[in-house]
Amino acid sequence: MSTDNNTADTQAAQISARNSQNLAGIIKEAALRGDFAEADALREELIAGDPMNLNLIVSTGEIIEEQKFKLLDKDHLAVWQELYQECNTEETNSLFYSLEPATIEPSKLLQVQGKVSNRLFFIDSGKVVLFYRKEDKNKVVLELARGDIVGEESFFEISLCPLSAATQSEVNLYSLTRSAAEKWHEMQPGLYEKLRDFCQKTGKSKSGVAQKNLDRRSSPRFPVSGVVTATILDQEGKPSENYFKGPLTDISRTGLCFDIKCSNYETARAILARTIEISAVFSGGEDACWVQQGIITKVSFHLHNDYTVHVRLHDRIEEELFKSFPCDWSVDDQSEEE
């Protein structure tokens, strides 16, 4: 009886091995014709069905990576040589095959000031202009071209787009969505940080504003102490059951900042662009609450789950009322605009 069982087990193992070999052949065929989505999916099937067959698992992975590398866009790699030289073969493949190529006509918006954007753009050719709107006029910050990035601030930070971006000519580019980049954390840990470091080093939007001394703030801020309770409004503009509170740090006639504790980064991101009703009680002032509505334009991360919430008010505070607040009028806070 034992001999029969051993024979059956041996036959089952042989069948499993043949099936795995056949599957490996199909994986190779898919990789050779550039169908990497199918090749990756079939390799996952191989891993699940025959997890102990390490030789096939490793060899099929190597075949896929080799073919991916062979079919990379060499012109694109030349433009972004500084970025890709920081990546190994697997990271290079993961980055490139996460990108979406596109050709954009002139006078098309890539991002809009004050709106949410979940894309990072890599310009391979063409011209893009960065600008912002103030006093009903478009203020040009700078022009971007081959080898420049668009959208690094809103992509890596919890922030609405600080600037608009529009194509000036036909533009060939690649774009990366945040959801695609988040998939790297498990398969390619460290790649996201490499891309972020590269964008912080080479991105031009912040430096362009600083170099040209362009003031995007609509009114000066002043330090003030107090406590803010912020209630999230629903789509109908009615208060929901969700609220958070924290110490007020500064205020202007068009916006304010206050600090919160938040243990989850994604929760902090989820409040971006939400309309809130603010109830503020100032330290050293009257006990009455000041109530106003606004939109969250940025959530800045600090250490130990500390965040600063930046709010742009729907309505400008009347000057007489604003002057009644117990602010430190001797200091004009030079932090960013709400």
C-alpha atoms as a PDB file:
ATOM      1  CA  MET A   1       0.000   0.000   0.000  1.00  0.00           C
ATOM      2  CA  SER A   2       2.873   2.324   0.892  1.00  0.00           C
ATOM      3  CA  THR A   3       4.542   1.610  -2.451  1.00  0.00           C
ATOM      4  CA  ASP A   4       1.376   2.571  -4.316  1.00  0.00           C
ATOM      5  CA  ASN A   5       1.195   5.873  -2.412  1.00  0.00           C
ATOM      6  CA  ASN A   6       4.818   6.675  -3.186  1.00  0.00           C
ATOM      7  CA  THR A   7       4.259   5.925  -6.868  1.00  0.00           C
ATOM      8  CA  ALA A   8       1.209   8.177  -6.938  1.00  0.00           C
ATOM      9  CA  ASP A   9       3.115  10.997  -5.229  1.00  0.00           C
ATOM     10  CA  THR A  10       5.982  10.653  -7.702  1.00  0.00           C
ATOM     11  CA  GLN A  11       3.621  10.759 -10.670  1.00  0.00           C
ATOM     12  CA  ALA A  12       1.855  13.833  -9.258  1.00  0.00           C
ATOM     13  CA  ALA A  13       5.202  15.562  -8.775  1.00  0.00           C
ATOM     14  CA  GLN A  14       6.214  14.738 -12.351  1.00  0.00           C
ATOM     15  CA  ILE A  15       2.943  16.119 -13.693  1.00  0.00           C
ATOM     16  CA  SER A  16       3.360  19.276 -11.575  1.00  0.00           C
ATOM     17  CA  ALA A  17       6.925  19.696 -12.856  1.00  0.00           C
ATOM     18  CA  ARG A  18       5.798  19.320 -16.492  1.00  0.00           C
ATOM     19  CA  ASN A  19       3.009  21.841 -15.921  1.00  0.00           C
ATOM     20  CA  SER A  20       5.468  24.284 -14.390  1.00  0.00           C
ATOM     21  CA  GLN A  21       7.881  23.821 -17.288  1.00  0.00           C
ATOM     22  CA  ASN A  22       5.055  24.441 -19.756  1.00  0.00           C
ATOM     23  CA  LEU A  23       3.993  27.534 -17.849  1.00  0.00           C
ATOM     24  CA  ALA A  24       7.582  28.797 -17.813  1.00  0.00           C
ATOM     25  CA  GLY A  25       7.697  28.403 -21.587  1.00  0.00           C
ATOM     26  CA  ILE A  26       4.519  30.453 -21.968  1.00  0.00           C
ATOM     27  CA  ILE A  27       5.974  33.121 -19.650  1.00  0.00           C
ATOM     28  CA  LYS A  28       9.087  33.343 -21.816  1.00  0.00           C
ATOM     29  CA  GLU A  29       7.006  33.659 -24.992  1.00  0.00           C
ATOM     30  CA  ALA A  30       4.958  36.475 -23.470  1.00  0.00           C
ATOM     31  CA  ALA A  31       8.101  38.286 -22.345  1.00  0.00           C
ATOM     32  CA  LEU A  32       9.767  37.945 -25.749  1.00  0.00           C
ATOM     33  CA  ARG A  33       6.810  39.548 -27.513  1.00  0.00           C
ATOM     34  CA  GLY A  34       6.724  42.375 -24.938  1.00  0.00           C
ATOM     35  CA  ASP A  35       3.487  41.369 -23.229  1.00  0.00           C
ATOM     36  CA  PHE A  36       4.837  41.988 -19.750  1.00  0.00           C
ATOM     37  CA  ALA A  37       1.450  42.249 -18.060  1.00  0.00           C
ATOM     38  CA  GLU A  38       0.662  38.664 -19.091  1.00  0.00           C
ATOM     39  CA  ALA A  39       4.187  37.466 -18.292  1.00  0.00           C
ATOM     40  CA  ASP A  40       4.049  38.929 -14.778  1.00  0.00           C
ATOM     41  CA  ALA A  41       0.562  37.516 -14.169  1.00  0.00           C
ATOM     42  CA  LEU A  42       1.605  34.036 -15.331  1.00  0.00           C
ATOM     43  CA  ARG A  43       4.712  34.164 -13.152  1.00  0.00           C
ATOM     44  CA  GLU A  44       2.517  34.952 -10.148  1.00  0.00           C
ATOM     45  CA  GLU A  45       0.484  31.879 -11.105  1.00  0.00           C
ATOM     46  CA  LEU A  46       3.698  29.832 -11.222  1.00  0.00           C
ATOM     47  CA  ILE A  47       4.755  31.068  -7.778  1.00  0.00           C
ATOM     48  CA  ALA A  48       1.353  30.234  -6.298  1.00  0.00           C
ATOM     49  CA  GLY A  49       1.127  26.798  -7.921  1.00  0.00           C
ATOM     50  CA  ASP A  50       4.713  25.603  -7.487  1.00  0.00           C
ATOM     51  CA  PRO A  51       6.317  27.749  -4.760  1.00  0.00           C
ATOM     52  CA  MET A  52       9.226  25.339  -4.163  1.00  0.00           C
ATOM     53  CA  ASN A  53      10.419  25.404  -7.775  1.00  0.00           C
ATOM     54  CA  LEU A  54      12.890  28.197  -7.095  1.00  0.00           C
ATOM     55  CA  ASN A  55      14.945  27.647 -10.244  1.00  0.00           C
ATOM     56  CA  LEU A  56      11.972  28.301 -12.540  1.00  0.00           C
ATOM     57  CA  ILE A  57      10.719  31.168 -10.411  1.00  0.00           C
ATOM     58  CA  VAL A  58      14.091  32.910 -10.518  1.00  0.00           C
ATOM     59  CA  SER A  59      14.820  32.160 -14.188  1.00  0.00           C
ATOM     60  CA  THR A  60      11.434  33.407 -15.419  1.00  0.00           C
ATOM     61  CA  GLY A  61      11.887  36.571 -13.372  1.00  0.00           C
ATOM     62  CA  GLU A  62      15.280  37.150 -14.958  1.00  0.00           C
ATOM     63  CA  ILE A  63      13.867  36.623 -18.464  1.00  0.00           C
ATOM     64  CA  ILE A  64      11.104  39.168 -17.864  1.00  0.00           C
ATOM     65  CA  GLU A  65      13.501  41.788 -16.446  1.00  0.00           C
ATOM     66  CA  GLU A  66      15.984  41.270 -19.308  1.00  0.00           C
ATOM     67  CA  GLN A  67      13.288  41.722 -21.939  1.00  0.00           C
ATOM     68  CA  LYS A  68      11.868  44.768 -20.203  1.00  0.00           C
ATOM     69  CA  PHE A  69      15.315  46.352 -20.179  1.00  0.00           C
ATOM     70  CA  LYS A  70      15.872  45.582 -23.878  1.00  0.00           C
ATOM     71  CA  LEU A  71      12.628  47.325 -24.862  1.00  0.00           C
ATOM     72  CA  LEU A  72      13.152  50.506 -22.843  1.00  0.00           C
ATOM     73  CA  ASP A  73      12.743  53.812 -24.711  1.00  0.00           C
ATOM     74  CA  LYS A  74      16.404  54.717 -25.224  1.00  0.00           C
ATOM     75  CA  ASP A  75      15.633  58.349 -26.107  1.00  0.00           C
ATOM     76  CA  HIS A  76      13.687  58.706 -22.858  1.00  0.00           C
ATOM     77  CA  LEU A  77      16.547  57.114 -20.896  1.00  0.00           C
ATOM     78  CA  ALA A  78      18.971  59.611 -22.436  1.00  0.00           C
ATOM     79  CA  VAL A  79      16.819  62.563 -21.346  1.00  0.00           C
ATOM     80  CA  TRP A  80      16.543  61.232 -17.793  1.00  0.00           C
ATOM     81  CA  GLN A  81      19.995  59.700 -17.480  1.00  0.00           C
ATOM     82  CA  GLU A  82      20.656  61.383 -14.117  1.00  0.00           C
ATOM     83  CA  LEU A  83      17.534  59.763 -12.657  1.00  0.00           C
ATOM     84  CA  TYR A  84      17.951  56.287 -14.078  1.00  0.00           C
ATOM     85  CA  GLN A  85      21.635  56.023 -13.215  1.00  0.00           C
ATOM     86  CA  GLU A  86      20.574  55.997  -9.556  1.00  0.00           C
ATOM     87  CA  CYS A  87      18.427  52.881 -10.197  1.00  0.00           C
ATOM     88  CA  ASN A  88      19.370  49.235 -10.644  1.00  0.00           C
ATOM     89  CA  THR A  89      17.891  47.180 -13.488  1.00  0.00           C
ATOM     90  CA  GLU A  90      14.760  46.142 -11.583  1.00  0.00           C
ATOM     91  CA  GLU A  91      14.122  49.694 -10.362  1.00  0.00           C
ATOM     92  CA  THR A  92      14.657  51.089 -13.856  1.00  0.00           C
ATOM     93  CA  ASN A  93      12.118  48.643 -15.264  1.00  0.00           C
ATOM     94  CA  SER A  94       9.615  49.342 -12.482  1.00  0.00           C
ATOM     95  CA  LEU A  95       9.880  53.101 -12.987  1.00  0.00           C
ATOM     96  CA  PHE A  96       9.726  53.090 -16.784  1.00  0.00           C
ATOM     97  CA  TYR A  97       6.870  50.586 -17.100  1.00  0.00           C
ATOM     98  CA  SER A  98       4.849  52.539 -14.522  1.00  0.00           C
ATOM     99  CA  LEU A  99       4.937  55.587 -16.814  1.00  0.00           C
ATOM    100  CA  GLU A 100       2.271  56.477 -19.358  1.00  0.00           C
ATOM    101  CA  PRO A 101       3.480  58.097 -22.621  1.00  0.00           C
ATOM    102  CA  ALA A 102       1.482  60.903 -24.224  1.00  0.00           C
ATOM    103  CA  THR A 103       1.708  63.623 -26.860  1.00  0.00           C
ATOM    104  CA  ILE A 104      -0.073  66.808 -25.753  1.00  0.00           C
ATOM    105  CA  GLU A 105      -1.238  69.568 -28.095  1.00  0.00           C
ATOM    106  CA  PRO A 106      -0.330  73.240 -27.478  1.00  0.00           C
ATOM    107  CA  SER A 107      -2.404  75.289 -25.020  1.00  0.00           C
ATOM    108  CA  LYS A 108      -3.509  72.309 -22.923  1.00  0.00           C
ATOM    109  CA  LEU A 109      -3.491  72.398 -19.119  1.00  0.00           C
ATOM    110  CA  LEU A 110      -1.473  69.753 -17.298  1.00  0.00           C
ATOM    111  CA  GLN A 111      -2.458  70.992 -13.860  1.00  0.00           C
ATOM    112  CA  VAL A 112      -4.558  73.806 -12.428  1.00  0.00           C
ATOM    113  CA  GLN A 113      -3.651  76.066  -9.524  1.00  0.00           C
ATOM    114  CA  GLY A 114      -5.721  75.240  -6.455  1.00  0.00           C
ATOM    115  CA  LYS A 115      -6.864  71.836  -7.731  1.00  0.00           C
ATOM    116  CA  VAL A 116      -5.897  68.280  -6.787  1.00  0.00           C
ATOM    117  CA  SER A 117      -3.407  66.529  -9.074  1.00  0.00           C
ATOM    118  CA  ASN A 118      -2.186  62.957  -8.683  1.00  0.00           C
ATOM    119  CA  ARG A 119       0.262  62.974 -11.615  1.00  0.00           C
ATOM    120  CA  LEU A 120       3.928  63.734 -12.070  1.00  0.00           C
ATOM    121  CA  PHE A 121       5.000  64.727 -15.602  1.00  0.00           C
ATOM    122  CA  PHE A 122       8.388  64.088 -17.264  1.00  0.00           C
ATOM    123  CA  ILE A 123       8.919  66.335 -20.303  1.00  0.00           C
ATOM    124  CA  ASP A 124      10.850  64.581 -23.104  1.00  0.00           C
ATOM    125  CA  SER A 125      10.359  67.376 -25.651  1.00  0.00           C
ATOM    126  CA  GLY A 126       8.397  70.596 -26.074  1.00  0.00           C
ATOM    127  CA  LYS A 127       7.716  73.585 -23.815  1.00  0.00           C
ATOM    128  CA  VAL A 128       5.474  74.022 -20.765  1.00  0.00           C
ATOM    129  CA  VAL A 129       4.820  77.270 -18.907  1.00  0.00           C
ATOM    130  CA  LEU A 130       4.175  77.512 -15.157  1.00  0.00           C
ATOM    131  CA  PHE A 131       1.967  80.370 -13.998  1.00  0.00           C
ATOM    132  CA  TYR A 132      -0.418  81.484 -11.286  1.00  0.00           C
ATOM    133  CA  ARG A 133      -3.404  83.791 -11.267  1.00  0.00           C
ATOM    134  CA  LYS A 134      -3.486  86.959  -9.207  1.00  0.00           C
ATOM    135  CA  GLU A 135      -5.700  90.026  -9.529  1.00  0.00           C
ATOM    136  CA  ASP A 136      -7.405  88.427 -12.564  1.00  0.00           C
ATOM    137  CA  LYS A 137      -4.122  88.137 -14.430  1.00  0.00           C
ATOM    138  CA  ASN A 138      -1.864  85.177 -15.225  1.00  0.00           C
ATOM    139  CA  LYS A 139       1.603  85.660 -13.734  1.00  0.00           C
ATOM    140  CA  VAL A 140       4.257  83.573 -15.500  1.00  0.00           C
ATOM    141  CA  VAL A 141       6.804  81.937 -13.196  1.00  0.00           C
ATOM    142  CA  LEU A 142       9.047  80.161 -15.707  1.00  0.00           C
ATOM    143  CA  GLU A 143       9.177  77.963 -18.798  1.00  0.00           C
ATOM    144  CA  LEU A 144       9.999  74.251 -18.655  1.00  0.00           C
ATOM    145  CA  ALA A 145      11.381  72.113 -21.465  1.00  0.00           C
ATOM    146  CA  ARG A 146      13.140  68.819 -22.243  1.00  0.00           C
ATOM    147  CA  GLY A 147      14.325  67.122 -19.034  1.00  0.00           C
ATOM    148  CA  ASP A 148      12.095  69.148 -16.693  1.00  0.00           C
ATOM    149  CA  ILE A 149       9.436  67.895 -14.273  1.00  0.00           C
ATOM    150  CA  VAL A 150       5.919  69.210 -13.696  1.00  0.00           C
ATOM    151  CA  GLY A 151       3.894  68.619 -10.550  1.00  0.00           C
ATOM    152  CA  GLU A 152       6.509  67.593  -7.988  1.00  0.00           C
ATOM    153  CA  GLU A 153       5.020  69.679  -5.159  1.00  0.00           C
ATOM    154  CA  SER A 154       1.482  68.313  -5.324  1.00  0.00           C
ATOM    155  CA  PHE A 155       2.746  64.777  -6.073  1.00  0.00           C
ATOM    156  CA  PHE A 156       5.064  64.334  -3.110  1.00  0.00           C
ATOM    157  CA  GLU A 157       3.348  66.676  -0.662  1.00  0.00           C
ATOM    158  CA  ILE A 158      -0.230  66.798   0.602  1.00  0.00           C
ATOM    159  CA  SER A 159      -1.015  69.924  -1.344  1.00  0.00           C
ATOM    160  CA  LEU A 160      -3.228  71.397  -4.012  1.00  0.00           C
ATOM    161  CA  CYS A 161      -1.341  72.552  -7.094  1.00  0.00           C
ATOM    162  CA  PRO A 162       0.428  75.804  -6.188  1.00  0.00           C
ATOM    163  CA  LEU A 163       0.806  76.692  -9.891  1.00  0.00           C
ATOM    164  CA  SER A 164      -0.945  76.019 -13.168  1.00  0.00           C
ATOM    165  CA  ALA A 165       0.949  74.362 -16.026  1.00  0.00           C
ATOM    166  CA  ALA A 166       0.086  74.625 -19.718  1.00  0.00           C
ATOM    167  CA  THR A 167       1.756  73.390 -22.901  1.00  0.00           C
ATOM    168  CA  GLN A 168       3.213  76.113 -25.128  1.00  0.00           C
ATOM    169  CA  SER A 169       3.995  73.738 -27.980  1.00  0.00           C
ATOM    170  CA  GLU A 170       3.364  70.108 -28.782  1.00  0.00           C
ATOM    171  CA  VAL A 171       4.833  68.204 -25.840  1.00  0.00           C
ATOM    172  CA  ASN A 172       5.973  64.608 -25.659  1.00  0.00           C
ATOM    173  CA  LEU A 173       5.972  63.424 -22.078  1.00  0.00           C
ATOM    174  CA  TYR A 174       5.570  60.526 -19.703  1.00  0.00           C
ATOM    175  CA  SER A 175       3.341  60.736 -16.634  1.00  0.00           C
ATOM    176  CA  LEU A 176       3.297  58.801 -13.380  1.00  0.00           C
ATOM    177  CA  THR A 177       0.208  58.403 -11.205  1.00  0.00           C
ATOM    178  CA  ARG A 178       0.492  58.277  -7.429  1.00  0.00           C
ATOM    179  CA  SER A 179      -1.342  54.938  -7.336  1.00  0.00           C
ATOM    180  CA  ALA A 180       1.270  53.418  -9.677  1.00  0.00           C
ATOM    181  CA  ALA A 181       4.137  54.746  -7.561  1.00  0.00           C
ATOM    182  CA  GLU A 182       2.598  53.406  -4.356  1.00  0.00           C
ATOM    183  CA  LYS A 183       2.851  49.873  -5.742  1.00  0.00           C
ATOM    184  CA  TRP A 184       6.646  50.139  -5.573  1.00  0.00           C
ATOM    185  CA  HIS A 185       6.747  50.086  -1.770  1.00  0.00           C
ATOM    186  CA  GLU A 186       6.430  46.304  -1.654  1.00  0.00           C
ATOM    187  CA  MET A 187       8.266  45.255  -4.833  1.00  0.00           C
ATOM    188  CA  GLN A 188      10.923  48.000  -5.060  1.00  0.00           C
ATOM    189  CA  PRO A 189      11.422  49.552  -1.617  1.00  0.00           C
ATOM    190  CA  GLY A 190      13.519  52.678  -1.930  1.00  0.00           C
ATOM    191  CA  LEU A 191      12.529  53.575  -5.495  1.00  0.00           C
ATOM    192  CA  TYR A 192       9.901  56.098  -4.390  1.00  0.00           C
ATOM    193  CA  GLU A 193      12.478  57.827  -2.180  1.00  0.00           C
ATOM    194  CA  LYS A 194      15.006  57.923  -5.042  1.00  0.00           C
ATOM    195  CA  LEU A 195      12.457  59.598  -7.301  1.00  0.00           C
ATOM    196  CA  ARG A 196      11.429  62.052  -4.577  1.00  0.00           C
ATOM    197  CA  ASP A 197      15.062  62.992  -3.881  1.00  0.00           C
ATOM    198  CA  PHE A 198      15.683  63.511  -7.601  1.00  0.00           C
ATOM    199  CA  CYS A 199      12.612  65.745  -7.947  1.00  0.00           C
ATOM    200  CA  GLN A 200      13.540  67.774  -4.871  1.00  0.00           C
ATOM    201  CA  LYS A 201      17.009  68.324  -6.330  1.00  0.00           C
ATOM    202  CA  THR A 202      16.002  69.129  -9.914  1.00  0.00           C
ATOM    203  CA  GLY A 203      12.420  70.449  -9.653  1.00  0.00           C
ATOM    204  CA  LYS A 204      12.221  74.119 -10.642  1.00  0.00           C
ATOM    205  CA  SER A 205       8.818  75.382  -9.470  1.00  0.00           C
ATOM    206  CA  LYS A 206       9.849  76.388  -5.931  1.00  0.00           C
ATOM    207  CA  SER A 207      13.207  77.811  -6.987  1.00  0.00           C
ATOM    208  CA  GLY A 208      11.567  79.721  -9.846  1.00  0.00           C
ATOM    209  CA  VAL A 209       9.208  81.508  -7.486  1.00  0.00           C
ATOM    210  CA  ALA A 210      12.034  82.302  -5.066  1.00  0.00           C
ATOM    211  CA  GLN A 211      14.503  83.514  -7.722  1.00  0.00           C
ATOM    212  CA  LYS A 212      12.006  85.856  -9.351  1.00  0.00           C
ATOM    213  CA  ASN A 213      10.765  87.071  -5.973  1.00  0.00           C
ATOM    214  CA  LEU A 214       7.175  86.420  -6.982  1.00  0.00           C
ATOM    215  CA  ASP A 215       4.787  86.991  -4.107  1.00  0.00           C
ATOM    216  CA  ARG A 216       1.787  84.662  -4.465  1.00  0.00           C
ATOM    217  CA  ARG A 217       0.352  85.563  -1.089  1.00  0.00           C
ATOM    218  CA  SER A 218      -2.786  87.652  -1.205  1.00  0.00           C
ATOM    219  CA  SER A 219      -2.371  89.075   2.314  1.00  0.00           C
ATOM    220  CA  PRO A 220       0.220  88.942   5.113  1.00  0.00           C
ATOM    221  CA  ARG A 221      -0.062  86.477   7.969  1.00  0.00           C
ATOM    222  CA  PHE A 222       0.416  87.235  11.642  1.00  0.00           C
ATOM    223  CA  PRO A 223       1.098  84.834  14.512  1.00  0.00           C
ATOM    224  CA  VAL A 224      -1.820  84.271  16.858  1.00  0.00           C
ATOM    225  CA  SER A 225      -2.671  81.786  19.612  1.00  0.00           C
ATOM    226  CA  GLY A 226      -5.949  79.951  20.003  1.00  0.00           C
ATOM    227  CA  VAL A 227      -7.767  76.713  19.337  1.00  0.00           C
ATOM    228  CA  VAL A 228      -9.458  75.737  16.075  1.00  0.00           C
ATOM    229  CA  THR A 229     -12.218  73.164  15.680  1.00  0.00           C
ATOM    230  CA  ALA A 230     -12.698  72.186  12.035  1.00  0.00           C
ATOM    231  CA  THR A 231     -15.846  70.369  10.960  1.00  0.00           C
ATOM    232  CA  ILE A 232     -15.872  68.745   7.516  1.00  0.00           C
ATOM    233  CA  LEU A 233     -18.840  69.788   5.384  1.00  0.00           C
ATOM    234  CA  ASP A 234     -20.667  67.309   3.168  1.00  0.00           C
ATOM    235  CA  GLN A 235     -21.439  67.808  -0.537  1.00  0.00           C
ATOM    236  CA  GLU A 236     -24.517  69.825   0.363  1.00  0.00           C
ATOM    237  CA  GLY A 237     -22.473  72.154   2.537  1.00  0.00           C
ATOM    238  CA  LYS A 238     -23.867  70.812   5.789  1.00  0.00           C
ATOM    239  CA  PRO A 239     -21.706  69.906   8.812  1.00  0.00           C
ATOM    240  CA  SER A 240     -20.831  66.218   9.043  1.00  0.00           C
ATOM    241  CA  GLU A 241     -19.948  64.218  12.147  1.00  0.00           C
ATOM    242  CA  ASN A 242     -16.257  64.348  11.242  1.00  0.00           C
ATOM    243  CA  TYR A 243     -14.189  67.033  12.900  1.00  0.00           C
ATOM    244  CA  PHE A 244     -10.687  67.647  14.231  1.00  0.00           C
ATOM    245  CA  LYS A 245      -9.081  70.354  16.313  1.00  0.00           C
ATOM    246  CA  GLY A 246      -5.727  71.844  17.181  1.00  0.00           C
ATOM    247  CA  PRO A 247      -3.827  74.972  18.147  1.00  0.00           C
ATOM    248  CA  LEU A 248      -4.003  77.988  15.836  1.00  0.00           C
ATOM    249  CA  THR A 249      -0.585  79.236  14.678  1.00  0.00           C
ATOM    250  CA  ASP A 250      -1.167  82.177  12.327  1.00  0.00           C
ATOM    251  CA  ILE A 251      -3.886  83.970  10.397  1.00  0.00           C
ATOM    252  CA  SER A 252      -4.355  86.423   7.543  1.00  0.00           C
ATOM    253  CA  ARG A 253      -7.431  88.047   6.054  1.00  0.00           C
ATOM    254  CA  THR A 254      -7.612  85.212   3.505  1.00  0.00           C
ATOM    255  CA  GLY A 255      -6.484  82.120   5.395  1.00  0.00           C
ATOM    256  CA  LEU A 256      -5.009  80.491   8.462  1.00  0.00           C
ATOM    257  CA  CYS A 257      -2.903  77.582   9.740  1.00  0.00           C
ATOM    258  CA  PHE A 258      -3.368  75.279  12.691  1.00  0.00           C
ATOM    259  CA  ASP A 259      -1.662  72.126  13.933  1.00  0.00           C
ATOM    260  CA  ILE A 260      -3.161  68.652  14.366  1.00  0.00           C
ATOM    261  CA  LYS A 261      -2.089  65.181  15.457  1.00  0.00           C
ATOM    262  CA  CYS A 262      -2.753  62.394  12.944  1.00  0.00           C
ATOM    263  CA  SER A 263      -1.381  58.847  13.184  1.00  0.00           C
ATOM    264  CA  ASN A 264      -2.173  57.917   9.567  1.00  0.00           C
ATOM    265  CA  TYR A 265      -0.632  59.672   6.549  1.00  0.00           C
ATOM    266  CA  GLU A 266      -3.483  58.606   4.267  1.00  0.00           C
ATOM    267  CA  THR A 267      -6.006  60.096   6.691  1.00  0.00           C
ATOM    268  CA  ALA A 268      -4.108  63.383   6.530  1.00  0.00           C
ATOM    269  CA  ARG A 269      -4.155  63.195   2.718  1.00  0.00           C
ATOM    270  CA  ALA A 270      -7.892  62.483   2.734  1.00  0.00           C
ATOM    271  CA  ILE A 271      -8.726  65.907   4.177  1.00  0.00           C
ATOM    272  CA  LEU A 272      -6.959  67.768   1.342  1.00  0.00           C
ATOM    273  CA  ALA A 273      -9.382  69.904  -0.689  1.00  0.00           C
ATOM    274  CA  ARG A 274     -12.186  69.311   1.826  1.00  0.00           C
ATOM    275  CA  THR A 275     -14.430  72.233   2.693  1.00  0.00           C
ATOM    276  CA  ILE A 276     -14.561  72.857   6.429  1.00  0.00           C
ATOM    277  CA  GLU A 277     -16.314  75.085   8.921  1.00  0.00           C
ATOM    278  CA  ILE A 278     -13.846  76.665  11.315  1.00  0.00           C
ATOM    279  CA  SER A 279     -14.653  77.671  14.873  1.00  0.00           C
ATOM    280  CA  ALA A 280     -11.754  79.532  16.488  1.00  0.00           C
ATOM    281  CA  VAL A 281     -11.334  80.770  20.044  1.00  0.00           C
ATOM    282  CA  PHE A 282      -8.383  83.150  20.439  1.00  0.00           C
ATOM    283  CA  SER A 283      -6.097  83.131  23.461  1.00  0.00           C
ATOM    284  CA  GLY A 284      -6.089  86.429  25.286  1.00  0.00           C
ATOM    285  CA  GLY A 285      -9.207  87.580  23.470  1.00  0.00           C
ATOM    286  CA  GLU A 286     -12.907  87.321  24.055  1.00  0.00           C
ATOM    287  CA  ASP A 287     -14.444  83.911  24.732  1.00  0.00           C
ATOM    288  CA  ALA A 288     -16.769  84.170  21.724  1.00  0.00           C
ATOM    289  CA  CYS A 289     -16.017  81.922  18.750  1.00  0.00           C
ATOM    290  CA  TRP A 290     -15.121  83.279  15.353  1.00  0.00           C
ATOM    291  CA  VAL A 291     -16.756  81.072  12.677  1.00  0.00           C
ATOM    292  CA  GLN A 292     -15.788  80.930   9.008  1.00  0.00           C
ATOM    293  CA  GLN A 293     -15.693  78.429   6.138  1.00  0.00           C
ATOM    294  CA  GLY A 294     -12.759  77.546   3.929  1.00  0.00           C
ATOM    295  CA  ILE A 295     -10.958  74.849   1.959  1.00  0.00           C
ATOM    296  CA  ILE A 296      -7.888  72.846   2.998  1.00  0.00           C
ATOM    297  CA  THR A 297      -5.144  73.603   0.478  1.00  0.00           C
ATOM    298  CA  LYS A 298      -2.181  71.844   2.094  1.00  0.00           C
ATOM    299  CA  VAL A 299      -1.312  69.530   4.971  1.00  0.00           C
ATOM    300  CA  SER A 300       2.360  69.755   5.962  1.00  0.00           C
ATOM    301  CA  PHE A 301       3.939  66.751   7.689  1.00  0.00           C
ATOM    302  CA  HIS A 302       6.328  67.216  10.597  1.00  0.00           C
ATOM    303  CA  LEU A 303       7.760  64.705  13.056  1.00  0.00           C
ATOM    304  CA  HIS A 304       5.884  62.393  15.438  1.00  0.00           C
ATOM    305  CA  ASN A 305       2.522  62.474  13.625  1.00  0.00           C
ATOM    306  CA  ASP A 306       2.383  66.274  13.717  1.00  0.00           C
ATOM    307  CA  TYR A 307       0.805  68.098  10.768  1.00  0.00           C
ATOM    308  CA  THR A 308       0.006  71.707   9.918  1.00  0.00           C
ATOM    309  CA  VAL A 309      -3.291  72.329   8.125  1.00  0.00           C
ATOM    310  CA  HIS A 310      -3.342  75.279   5.668  1.00  0.00           C
ATOM    311  CA  VAL A 311      -6.773  76.768   4.962  1.00  0.00           C
ATOM    312  CA  ARG A 312      -7.918  79.275   2.349  1.00  0.00           C
ATOM    313  CA  LEU A 313     -11.029  81.107   3.533  1.00  0.00           C
ATOM    314  CA  HIS A 314     -14.066  81.423   1.286  1.00  0.00           C
ATOM    315  CA  ASP A 315     -14.601  85.056   2.315  1.00  0.00           C
ATOM    316  CA  ARG A 316     -11.988  87.689   3.072  1.00  0.00           C
ATOM    317  CA  ILE A 317     -12.101  88.827   6.704  1.00  0.00           C
ATOM    318  CA  GLU A 318     -13.246  92.416   7.086  1.00  0.00           C
ATOM    319  CA  GLU A 319     -10.326  94.648   8.078  1.00  0.00           C
ATOM    320  CA  GLU A 320     -12.006  96.041  11.195  1.00  0.00           C
ATOM    321  CA  LEU A 321     -12.814  92.542  12.466  1.00  0.00           C
ATOM    322  CA  PHE A 322      -9.335  91.273  11.606  1.00  0.00           C
ATOM    323  CA  LYS A 323      -7.692  94.098  13.534  1.00  0.00           C
ATOM    324  CA  SER A 324      -9.701  93.063  16.595  1.00  0.00           C
ATOM    325  CA  PHE A 325      -7.977  89.681  16.731  1.00  0.00           C
ATOM    326  CA  PRO A 326      -5.167  89.372  19.362  1.00  0.00           C
ATOM    327  CA  CYS A 327      -2.397  88.795  16.790  1.00  0.00           C
ATOM    328  CA  ASP A 328       1.278  89.631  17.139  1.00  0.00           C
ATOM    329  CA  TRP A 329       1.128  92.580  14.759  1.00  0.00           C
ATOM    330  CA  SER A 330       4.894  93.116  14.933  1.00  0.00           C
ATOM    331  CA  VAL A 331       5.561  89.939  12.920  1.00  0.00           C
ATOM    332  CA  ASP A 332       4.546  89.240   9.307  1.00  0.00           C
ATOM    333  CA  ASP A 333       4.862  85.456   9.001  1.00  0.00           C
ATOM    334  CA  GLN A 334       6.598  84.592   5.720  1.00  0.00           C
ATOM    335  CA  SER A 335       5.151  81.084   5.376  1.00  0.00           C
ATOM    336  CA  GLU A 336       3.515  79.996   2.123  1.00  0.00           C
ATOM    337  CA  GLU A 337       0.151  81.221   0.947  1.00  0.00           C
ATOM    338  CA  GLU A 338      -2.889  79.203   1.960  1.00  0.00           C
END
